[in-house]
Amino acid sequence: LCVLTTCTTSQGLIRHSAHNPVGSNAFASAMSTGLKMTVGAAVLVGTVTMLFSRSLADLLLQTPDYWPYITLAGVTLVFHGASVVLFTVLNGQQDTATYTRIMVAQGLVSSAFSIGGALLAGLKGVFAGMALSVPFALLIGLWMVRRKSWFHYPYFASPYSGTVAKSFLSFGLMSVATAVSTPVALMFVRDMLITTNLETAGHWQATWRISEIYLGLLVTTIGLYLLPKLSAAKSDRATYVAELKRVVLLVVGLCAFVSAALLLAGHWVVRILYSSAFDPMQALFPLQLAGDFFKALSLVLSTVLIASVQVRQQMFGEVFFAALFVFASFIWVGSAGVNGIQMAYLGSQLCSAAYLSFCVVRVVKAMPSNNHDRTPL
């Protein structure tokens, strides 16, 4: 629900707040339009959620008894959307210190409400606590940005701009493609593997969760650093290439470190995170880590397409290679089992990285260069 509320504006606000100087009409128009679209999406999604709360509770939690907590989540979506607007502007302004302080403070508030709810009312208390923490988290964010140069009423009260809204919709399409394609592909592959061997499906799911953890860290780093940097660079080819090289080196270093840790100490990692019943998943690490490397590289390259608003190329890549992963898994799971799915993952991510590399080279070559720009691509 949170993704549906903010996917249209989150990345667009990062780009606009980095691309346009504070105080300009373009900055004010982007901030005002982004806030209005986010609040409108939150009201729409929240209303639908409340209307269908019983059906959603029955579908997601196997009982309609939890419908009040689904309803409460729908009510608090507007507060979540406003918090994301603050985060995205801070991200675009590259104010990492304030961003981190707010993130930590809101995390503590959310944990306090969730733990308190668990102690008072068990699972129902957790649900209620998670939702009720959202408005308090927003208040913390508002307090911590109250003195920022961009946090003034006129910037968020400018007239709604259809041109800016159209730009946000382009970013929204790319965000939806990213947010939907991979989870849907994983559901298909997981169900496919379950029909083959339920225990093996559990091992594969556990391996994938480890990848999600450290790749999630990478996604956060890229979102905080690369997207606003590329947006602020505008048409400076040398800056683009330098930033890409810097982030690619970070990706290579992180993947090398994680791969070494899992391959050398995989036994202890599995025992700490899971149990001895999951020892067979150690055999899945090599192919998984190889696929993760190309996936991480694809995340960096996809950010370039997002920053340059290459909607069709980015959406095609997300959807096509997720479908390729499912199709290759269907072909190979029968003969190779879980190893077939691992090979499908590696192959699809390798092809994705190659495709995105081609697209990025075209984007960078299309940028104007001056006589002193001799940066190799």
Protein backbone atom coordinates (compact mmCIF):
# COMPACT_ATOMS: atom_id res chain seq x y z
CA LEU A 1 0.00 0.00 0.00
CA CYS A 2 2.85 2.37 0.80
CA VAL A 3 4.51 1.64 -2.54
CA LEU A 4 1.26 2.30 -4.42
CA THR A 5 0.89 5.62 -2.60
CA THR A 6 4.34 7.00 -3.40
CA CYS A 7 5.64 5.19 -6.48
CA THR A 8 4.43 7.93 -8.83
CA THR A 9 6.28 10.78 -7.13
CA SER A 10 9.19 9.47 -5.04
CA GLN A 11 11.89 9.19 -7.72
CA GLY A 12 10.51 12.15 -9.64
CA LEU A 13 10.80 14.38 -6.57
CA ILE A 14 14.39 13.28 -6.04
CA ARG A 15 15.29 14.25 -9.59
CA HIS A 16 13.41 17.56 -9.60
CA SER A 17 14.73 18.66 -6.19
CA ALA A 18 18.29 17.87 -7.29
CA HIS A 19 17.92 19.32 -10.79
CA ASN A 20 16.25 22.65 -9.87
CA PRO A 21 17.75 25.19 -7.44
CA VAL A 22 15.84 25.95 -4.24
CA GLY A 23 13.83 29.13 -4.68
CA SER A 24 13.21 28.70 -8.38
CA ASN A 25 9.71 28.48 -9.83
CA ALA A 26 10.52 25.02 -11.17
CA PHE A 27 11.48 23.81 -7.69
CA ALA A 28 8.29 25.20 -6.14
CA SER A 29 6.14 23.75 -8.90
CA ALA A 30 7.71 20.30 -8.47
CA MET A 31 7.34 20.30 -4.68
CA SER A 32 3.73 21.48 -4.76
CA THR A 33 2.66 19.12 -7.54
CA GLY A 34 4.46 16.18 -5.94
CA LEU A 35 2.81 16.76 -2.57
CA LYS A 36 -0.65 17.10 -4.12
CA MET A 37 -0.21 13.92 -6.19
CA THR A 38 1.09 11.99 -3.19
CA VAL A 39 -1.78 13.07 -0.94
CA GLY A 40 -4.28 12.35 -3.71
CA ALA A 41 -2.84 8.86 -4.25
CA ALA A 42 -2.87 8.23 -0.49
CA VAL A 43 -6.54 9.23 -0.22
CA LEU A 44 -7.47 7.06 -3.20
CA VAL A 45 -5.52 3.98 -2.10
CA GLY A 46 -6.58 4.46 1.52
CA THR A 47 -10.27 4.73 0.59
CA VAL A 48 -10.15 1.58 -1.54
CA THR A 49 -8.30 -0.20 1.27
CA MET A 50 -10.96 0.73 3.81
CA LEU A 51 -13.81 -0.28 1.50
CA PHE A 52 -12.28 -3.71 0.89
CA SER A 53 -10.65 -4.18 4.30
CA ARG A 54 -12.54 -7.41 5.07
CA SER A 55 -11.63 -8.98 1.74
CA LEU A 56 -7.98 -7.91 2.09
CA ALA A 57 -7.78 -9.28 5.63
CA ASP A 58 -9.23 -12.60 4.47
CA LEU A 59 -6.86 -12.74 1.47
CA LEU A 60 -3.64 -11.68 3.22
CA LEU A 61 -4.17 -12.91 6.78
CA GLN A 62 -6.58 -15.83 6.21
CA THR A 63 -9.27 -14.31 8.44
CA PRO A 64 -11.60 -11.29 8.12
CA ASP A 65 -11.25 -10.62 11.87
CA TYR A 66 -8.26 -8.34 11.24
CA TRP A 67 -10.18 -5.90 9.05
CA PRO A 68 -9.96 -3.02 11.60
CA TYR A 69 -6.16 -3.05 11.31
CA ILE A 70 -6.29 -3.05 7.52
CA THR A 71 -8.62 -0.07 7.78
CA LEU A 72 -6.25 1.67 10.19
CA ALA A 73 -3.39 1.14 7.76
CA GLY A 74 -5.46 2.76 5.02
CA VAL A 75 -6.18 5.79 7.22
CA THR A 76 -2.48 6.40 7.96
CA LEU A 77 -1.30 6.19 4.33
CA VAL A 78 -1.58 9.96 3.90
CA PHE A 79 0.90 10.48 6.76
CA HIS A 80 3.28 7.98 5.21
CA GLY A 81 3.05 9.77 1.86
CA ALA A 82 3.91 13.11 3.47
CA SER A 83 6.95 11.52 5.17
CA VAL A 84 8.17 10.19 1.84
CA VAL A 85 7.92 13.68 0.34
CA LEU A 86 10.26 14.93 3.09
CA PHE A 87 12.68 12.06 2.50
CA THR A 88 12.79 12.53 -1.25
CA VAL A 89 13.47 16.26 -1.02
CA LEU A 90 16.26 15.64 1.49
CA ASN A 91 17.62 12.98 -0.85
CA GLY A 92 17.53 15.33 -3.82
CA GLN A 93 19.26 18.05 -1.79
CA GLN A 94 21.90 15.43 -0.83
CA ASP A 95 21.35 16.22 2.85
CA THR A 96 22.44 12.77 3.97
CA ALA A 97 23.02 13.76 7.61
CA THR A 98 19.44 14.96 8.18
CA TYR A 99 18.06 12.06 6.13
CA THR A 100 19.89 9.56 8.32
CA ARG A 101 18.86 11.23 11.59
CA ILE A 102 15.18 11.21 10.58
CA MET A 103 15.42 7.61 9.39
CA VAL A 104 16.93 6.47 12.69
CA ALA A 105 14.43 8.47 14.78
CA GLN A 106 11.44 7.16 12.82
CA GLY A 107 12.79 3.62 13.08
CA LEU A 108 13.00 3.95 16.85
CA VAL A 109 9.44 5.29 17.04
CA SER A 110 8.13 2.47 14.85
CA SER A 111 9.97 -0.13 16.93
CA ALA A 112 8.66 1.34 20.17
CA PHE A 113 5.06 1.26 18.97
CA SER A 114 5.40 -2.26 17.55
CA ILE A 115 7.10 -3.72 20.63
CA GLY A 116 4.69 -1.91 22.94
CA GLY A 117 1.75 -3.22 20.95
CA ALA A 118 3.14 -6.75 21.07
CA LEU A 119 3.53 -6.60 24.86
CA LEU A 120 0.04 -5.18 25.36
CA ALA A 121 -2.03 -7.09 22.82
CA GLY A 122 0.10 -9.60 20.94
CA LEU A 123 -0.25 -9.76 17.16
CA LYS A 124 -3.17 -7.33 17.07
CA GLY A 125 -1.10 -4.87 19.06
CA VAL A 126 1.72 -5.15 16.54
CA PHE A 127 -0.66 -4.35 13.68
CA ALA A 128 -2.10 -1.37 15.53
CA GLY A 129 1.31 -0.15 16.65
CA MET A 130 2.76 -0.24 13.13
CA ALA A 131 -0.07 1.93 11.81
CA LEU A 132 -0.26 4.34 14.75
CA SER A 133 3.48 5.03 14.62
CA VAL A 134 3.20 6.59 11.14
CA PRO A 135 1.72 10.00 12.11
CA PHE A 136 4.17 10.32 15.00
CA ALA A 137 7.04 9.53 12.65
CA LEU A 138 5.82 12.30 10.35
CA LEU A 139 5.79 14.79 13.24
CA ILE A 140 9.42 13.92 13.99
CA GLY A 141 10.35 14.47 10.35
CA LEU A 142 8.57 17.83 10.22
CA TRP A 143 10.32 18.98 13.39
CA MET A 144 13.76 18.03 12.10
CA VAL A 145 13.38 19.84 8.74
CA ARG A 146 11.58 22.93 10.08
CA ARG A 147 14.60 25.18 9.51
CA LYS A 148 15.60 23.92 6.07
CA SER A 149 15.71 26.52 3.30
CA TRP A 150 13.24 24.56 1.17
CA PHE A 151 10.73 23.91 3.95
CA HIS A 152 8.48 26.92 3.41
CA TYR A 153 4.76 27.03 2.76
CA PRO A 154 4.96 28.85 -0.63
CA TYR A 155 7.01 26.00 -2.13
CA PHE A 156 4.22 23.52 -1.38
CA ALA A 157 1.33 25.85 -2.18
CA SER A 158 2.24 26.70 -5.77
CA PRO A 159 -0.31 25.87 -8.49
CA TYR A 160 -0.59 22.31 -9.71
CA SER A 161 1.45 21.76 -12.90
CA GLY A 162 0.20 19.31 -15.51
CA THR A 163 3.62 19.27 -17.17
CA VAL A 164 5.36 18.31 -13.94
CA ALA A 165 2.64 15.75 -13.18
CA LYS A 166 3.27 14.10 -16.56
CA SER A 167 6.95 13.89 -15.69
CA PHE A 168 6.08 12.27 -12.35
CA LEU A 169 3.89 9.72 -14.12
CA SER A 170 6.89 8.69 -16.23
CA PHE A 171 8.87 8.02 -13.06
CA GLY A 172 5.86 6.27 -11.61
CA LEU A 173 5.66 3.84 -14.52
CA MET A 174 9.34 2.96 -14.02
CA SER A 175 8.84 2.52 -10.28
CA VAL A 176 5.83 0.25 -10.79
CA ALA A 177 7.74 -1.86 -13.31
CA THR A 178 10.55 -2.31 -10.77
CA ALA A 179 8.27 -2.89 -7.78
CA VAL A 180 5.99 -5.42 -9.48
CA SER A 181 8.04 -7.43 -11.97
CA THR A 182 10.52 -9.08 -9.59
CA PRO A 183 8.05 -10.05 -6.80
CA VAL A 184 5.61 -11.50 -9.34
CA ALA A 185 8.41 -13.46 -11.02
CA LEU A 186 9.53 -14.80 -7.64
CA MET A 187 6.01 -15.97 -6.81
CA PHE A 188 5.82 -17.92 -10.06
CA VAL A 189 9.25 -19.48 -9.56
CA ARG A 190 8.60 -20.31 -5.91
CA ASP A 191 5.30 -22.03 -6.69
CA MET A 192 7.00 -23.88 -9.53
CA LEU A 193 9.72 -25.15 -7.19
CA ILE A 194 7.23 -26.06 -4.46
CA THR A 195 5.53 -28.52 -6.82
CA THR A 196 8.94 -30.15 -7.33
CA ASN A 197 10.21 -30.27 -3.75
CA LEU A 198 8.81 -28.28 -0.83
CA GLU A 199 11.95 -28.59 1.32
CA THR A 200 14.20 -27.45 -1.52
CA ALA A 201 11.88 -24.50 -2.10
CA GLY A 202 12.47 -23.49 1.51
CA HIS A 203 16.24 -23.64 1.06
CA TRP A 204 16.00 -21.54 -2.10
CA GLN A 205 13.73 -18.99 -0.40
CA ALA A 206 16.16 -18.70 2.51
CA THR A 207 19.08 -18.13 0.12
CA TRP A 208 17.12 -15.47 -1.71
CA ARG A 209 16.36 -13.68 1.56
CA ILE A 210 20.07 -13.30 2.29
CA SER A 211 20.52 -11.75 -1.14
CA GLU A 212 17.62 -9.37 -0.51
CA ILE A 213 19.23 -8.14 2.70
CA TYR A 214 22.55 -7.01 1.28
CA LEU A 215 21.14 -5.98 -2.10
CA GLY A 216 18.60 -3.89 -0.18
CA LEU A 217 21.51 -2.06 1.41
CA LEU A 218 22.91 -1.47 -2.05
CA VAL A 219 19.58 -0.16 -3.37
CA THR A 220 19.38 2.31 -0.47
CA THR A 221 22.94 3.50 -1.15
CA ILE A 222 22.25 3.98 -4.84
CA GLY A 223 19.01 5.83 -4.12
CA LEU A 224 20.69 8.12 -1.62
CA TYR A 225 23.79 8.84 -3.68
CA LEU A 226 23.64 8.10 -7.38
CA LEU A 227 20.18 9.29 -8.45
CA PRO A 228 20.50 12.83 -7.02
CA LYS A 229 24.11 13.07 -8.21
CA LEU A 230 23.18 12.18 -11.79
CA SER A 231 20.15 14.46 -11.68
CA ALA A 232 22.28 17.37 -10.47
CA ALA A 233 24.97 16.67 -13.07
CA LYS A 234 22.45 17.50 -15.82
CA SER A 235 24.40 17.20 -19.10
CA ASP A 236 27.95 16.95 -17.78
CA ARG A 237 29.30 13.79 -19.38
CA ALA A 238 32.52 13.76 -17.36
CA THR A 239 30.61 13.92 -14.06
CA TYR A 240 28.25 11.18 -15.19
CA VAL A 241 31.08 8.82 -16.05
CA ALA A 242 33.02 9.62 -12.87
CA GLU A 243 30.00 8.96 -10.65
CA LEU A 244 29.21 5.73 -12.47
CA LYS A 245 32.77 4.48 -12.04
CA ARG A 246 32.69 5.34 -8.34
CA VAL A 247 29.44 3.46 -7.71
CA VAL A 248 30.44 0.48 -9.87
CA LEU A 249 33.60 0.12 -7.77
CA LEU A 250 31.42 0.22 -4.64
CA VAL A 251 29.20 -2.52 -6.10
CA VAL A 252 32.17 -4.71 -7.00
CA GLY A 253 33.69 -4.24 -3.54
CA LEU A 254 30.46 -5.00 -1.69
CA CYS A 255 29.69 -8.08 -3.79
CA ALA A 256 33.26 -9.37 -3.39
CA PHE A 257 33.07 -8.95 0.39
CA VAL A 258 29.69 -10.67 0.74
CA SER A 259 30.70 -13.48 -1.63
CA ALA A 260 33.89 -14.15 0.31
CA ALA A 261 32.02 -14.11 3.63
CA LEU A 262 29.32 -16.52 2.47
CA LEU A 263 31.65 -18.90 0.66
CA LEU A 264 34.20 -19.04 3.49
CA ALA A 265 31.84 -18.88 6.47
CA GLY A 266 28.60 -20.09 4.92
CA HIS A 267 28.20 -22.83 7.54
CA TRP A 268 28.17 -20.35 10.41
CA VAL A 269 26.01 -17.85 8.54
CA VAL A 270 23.35 -20.51 7.97
CA ARG A 271 23.48 -21.71 11.60
CA ILE A 272 23.21 -18.15 12.96
CA LEU A 273 20.40 -17.03 10.66
CA TYR A 274 18.53 -20.33 10.36
CA SER A 275 19.33 -23.81 11.70
CA SER A 276 21.08 -27.05 10.78
CA ALA A 277 18.03 -28.02 8.71
CA PHE A 278 19.07 -25.34 6.22
CA ASP A 279 22.64 -26.60 5.71
CA PRO A 280 21.87 -27.75 2.11
CA MET A 281 21.37 -24.14 1.08
CA GLN A 282 25.15 -23.62 1.25
CA ALA A 283 25.39 -25.43 -2.08
CA LEU A 284 23.20 -22.70 -3.63
CA PHE A 285 25.50 -19.83 -2.70
CA PRO A 286 27.94 -19.86 -5.67
CA LEU A 287 25.36 -19.45 -8.46
CA GLN A 288 23.23 -17.14 -6.33
CA LEU A 289 26.16 -14.84 -5.61
CA ALA A 290 27.17 -14.77 -9.26
CA GLY A 291 23.63 -13.77 -10.20
CA ASP A 292 23.61 -11.16 -7.42
CA PHE A 293 26.71 -9.52 -8.88
CA PHE A 294 25.04 -8.90 -12.23
CA LYS A 295 21.80 -7.88 -10.50
CA ALA A 296 23.70 -5.29 -8.47
CA LEU A 297 25.35 -4.00 -11.62
CA SER A 298 21.93 -3.81 -13.27
CA LEU A 299 20.63 -1.73 -10.36
CA VAL A 300 23.34 0.85 -10.97
CA LEU A 301 22.76 0.96 -14.72
CA SER A 302 18.98 1.10 -14.30
CA THR A 303 19.41 4.19 -12.09
CA VAL A 304 21.04 5.95 -15.06
CA LEU A 305 17.97 5.24 -17.18
CA ILE A 306 15.72 6.52 -14.39
CA ALA A 307 17.77 9.71 -13.97
CA SER A 308 17.64 10.35 -17.73
CA VAL A 309 13.90 9.42 -17.87
CA GLN A 310 14.35 6.59 -20.38
CA VAL A 311 10.91 5.16 -19.61
CA ARG A 312 10.46 2.60 -22.38
CA GLN A 313 13.97 1.18 -22.11
CA GLN A 314 13.81 0.87 -18.33
CA MET A 315 10.34 -0.69 -18.24
CA PHE A 316 11.18 -3.12 -21.04
CA GLY A 317 14.29 -4.27 -19.20
CA GLU A 318 12.47 -4.82 -15.90
CA VAL A 319 9.55 -6.74 -17.39
CA PHE A 320 11.36 -8.70 -20.11
CA PHE A 321 14.18 -10.06 -17.96
CA ALA A 322 11.82 -10.94 -15.11
CA ALA A 323 9.78 -12.91 -17.65
CA LEU A 324 12.99 -14.46 -19.00
CA PHE A 325 13.86 -15.62 -15.47
CA VAL A 326 10.46 -17.32 -15.12
CA PHE A 327 10.61 -18.89 -18.59
CA ALA A 328 14.17 -20.23 -18.16
CA SER A 329 13.26 -21.58 -14.73
CA PHE A 330 10.29 -23.42 -16.22
CA ILE A 331 12.57 -24.96 -18.86
CA TRP A 332 15.37 -26.01 -16.51
CA VAL A 333 13.64 -26.85 -13.23
CA GLY A 334 12.45 -30.19 -14.54
CA SER A 335 15.92 -31.44 -15.47
CA ALA A 336 18.12 -29.64 -12.92
CA GLY A 337 15.76 -28.80 -10.05
CA VAL A 338 16.79 -25.87 -7.90
CA ASN A 339 20.10 -25.61 -9.77
CA GLY A 340 18.10 -24.95 -12.92
CA ILE A 341 16.43 -21.99 -11.22
CA GLN A 342 19.82 -20.71 -10.06
CA MET A 343 21.16 -20.94 -13.62
CA ALA A 344 18.06 -19.15 -14.90
CA TYR A 345 18.66 -16.37 -12.36
CA LEU A 346 22.31 -16.00 -13.35
CA GLY A 347 21.53 -16.08 -17.07
CA SER A 348 18.69 -13.55 -16.87
CA GLN A 349 20.74 -11.12 -14.77
CA LEU A 350 23.73 -11.42 -17.08
CA CYS A 351 21.53 -10.60 -20.06
CA SER A 352 19.92 -7.75 -18.14
CA ALA A 353 23.30 -6.20 -17.30
CA ALA A 354 24.39 -6.48 -20.94
CA TYR A 355 21.18 -4.84 -22.19
CA LEU A 356 21.38 -2.01 -19.64
CA SER A 357 25.06 -1.44 -20.45
CA PHE A 358 24.12 -0.93 -24.08
CA CYS A 359 21.36 1.52 -23.11
CA VAL A 360 23.60 3.48 -20.75
CA VAL A 361 26.37 3.82 -23.33
CA ARG A 362 23.81 5.28 -25.74
CA VAL A 363 22.55 7.71 -23.08
CA VAL A 364 26.04 8.92 -22.19
CA LYS A 365 27.14 9.23 -25.82
CA ALA A 366 24.07 11.34 -26.55
CA MET A 367 25.10 13.87 -23.89
CA PRO A 368 26.89 16.99 -25.16
CA SER A 369 30.60 17.19 -24.41
CA ASN A 370 33.03 20.09 -24.44
CA ASN A 371 36.47 20.21 -26.00
CA HIS A 372 38.15 19.31 -22.73
CA ASP A 373 36.01 16.25 -22.09
CA ARG A 374 38.06 13.19 -22.94
CA THR A 375 36.52 10.83 -20.39
CA PRO A 376 36.37 7.29 -21.82
CA LEU A 377 33.02 5.53 -21.71
